[in-house]
Amino acid sequence: MATESYKIANNLDESSVAKIRSLEKDLGACILALEPRNAVKQLREEDLEKVRKLEKDLHVVLLAYRPEVCTIQ
């Protein structure tokens, strides 16, 4: 994934930041909020499960973008 595809979400309101901090506390982990520069594709639940499986297999985080943003080969 190219670094130009996303940026750190630094314009979150206080309520959003509080929700993220609460999740961090619950999980005992730091959460990085990223904002996609391109439109992400909304996936059906069965497609989302395929992505989650591949993420687990590859130990990566995958983002799905709408086809007009990228070249599908």
Protein backbone atom coordinates (compact mmCIF):
# COMPACT_ATOMS: atom_id res chain seq x y z
CA MET A 1 0.00 0.00 0.00
CA ALA A 2 1.40 3.37 -0.95
CA THR A 3 1.80 5.85 1.88
CA GLU A 4 0.01 8.46 -0.25
CA SER A 5 -3.22 6.45 0.14
CA TYR A 6 -3.86 7.56 3.70
CA LYS A 7 -2.91 10.18 6.27
CA ILE A 8 -3.06 10.41 10.04
CA ALA A 9 -6.51 11.58 11.09
CA ASN A 10 -5.55 14.68 13.05
CA ASN A 11 -8.83 16.58 12.82
CA LEU A 12 -10.97 14.35 15.04
CA ASP A 13 -13.34 16.04 17.47
CA GLU A 14 -13.00 15.53 21.23
CA SER A 15 -15.78 12.93 21.29
CA SER A 16 -14.05 10.82 18.63
CA VAL A 17 -10.70 11.05 20.40
CA ALA A 18 -12.37 10.01 23.67
CA LYS A 19 -13.88 6.95 21.95
CA ILE A 20 -10.47 5.96 20.58
CA ARG A 21 -8.81 6.44 23.98
CA SER A 22 -11.53 4.34 25.61
CA LEU A 23 -10.91 1.56 23.09
CA GLU A 24 -7.16 1.81 23.70
CA LYS A 25 -7.75 1.40 27.43
CA ASP A 26 -10.10 -1.56 26.88
CA LEU A 27 -7.67 -3.31 24.54
CA GLY A 28 -4.44 -2.32 26.28
CA ALA A 29 -3.11 -1.20 22.90
CA CYS A 30 -2.35 2.01 21.04
CA ILE A 31 -4.73 2.79 18.18
CA LEU A 32 -3.62 4.73 15.11
CA ALA A 33 -6.46 6.57 13.36
CA LEU A 34 -5.90 6.88 9.61
CA GLU A 35 -7.98 8.82 7.13
CA PRO A 36 -8.03 7.45 3.57
CA ARG A 37 -7.26 9.99 0.86
CA ASN A 38 -9.25 7.89 -1.57
CA ALA A 39 -12.75 6.48 -1.20
CA VAL A 40 -12.79 3.12 0.53
CA LYS A 41 -15.11 0.43 -0.80
CA GLN A 42 -17.93 -0.78 1.40
CA LEU A 43 -17.72 -4.58 1.43
CA ARG A 44 -20.39 -7.19 1.95
CA GLU A 45 -19.95 -9.23 5.13
CA GLU A 46 -18.75 -12.33 3.21
CA ASP A 47 -16.16 -10.24 1.35
CA LEU A 48 -15.05 -8.61 4.58
CA GLU A 49 -14.45 -12.08 6.04
CA LYS A 50 -12.19 -12.90 3.06
CA VAL A 51 -10.18 -9.74 3.75
CA ARG A 52 -9.93 -10.54 7.46
CA LYS A 53 -8.71 -14.06 6.70
CA LEU A 54 -6.01 -12.79 4.36
CA GLU A 55 -4.98 -10.14 6.91
CA LYS A 56 -4.58 -12.88 9.50
CA ASP A 57 -2.64 -15.12 7.11
CA LEU A 58 -0.28 -12.33 6.00
CA HIS A 59 -0.09 -10.43 9.32
CA VAL A 60 -0.98 -7.14 7.61
CA VAL A 61 -3.81 -4.62 7.55
CA LEU A 62 -5.63 -4.40 4.22
CA LEU A 63 -7.75 -1.50 2.95
CA ALA A 64 -10.21 -1.92 0.08
CA TYR A 65 -10.59 1.03 -2.29
CA ARG A 66 -13.16 1.57 -5.00
CA PRO A 67 -11.94 0.32 -8.40
CA GLU A 68 -11.64 3.79 -9.94
CA VAL A 69 -8.88 4.59 -7.43
CA CYS A 70 -6.57 1.71 -8.31
CA THR A 71 -5.66 -0.56 -11.19
CA ILE A 72 -6.90 -4.12 -10.76
CA GLN A 73 -4.69 -6.61 -12.55
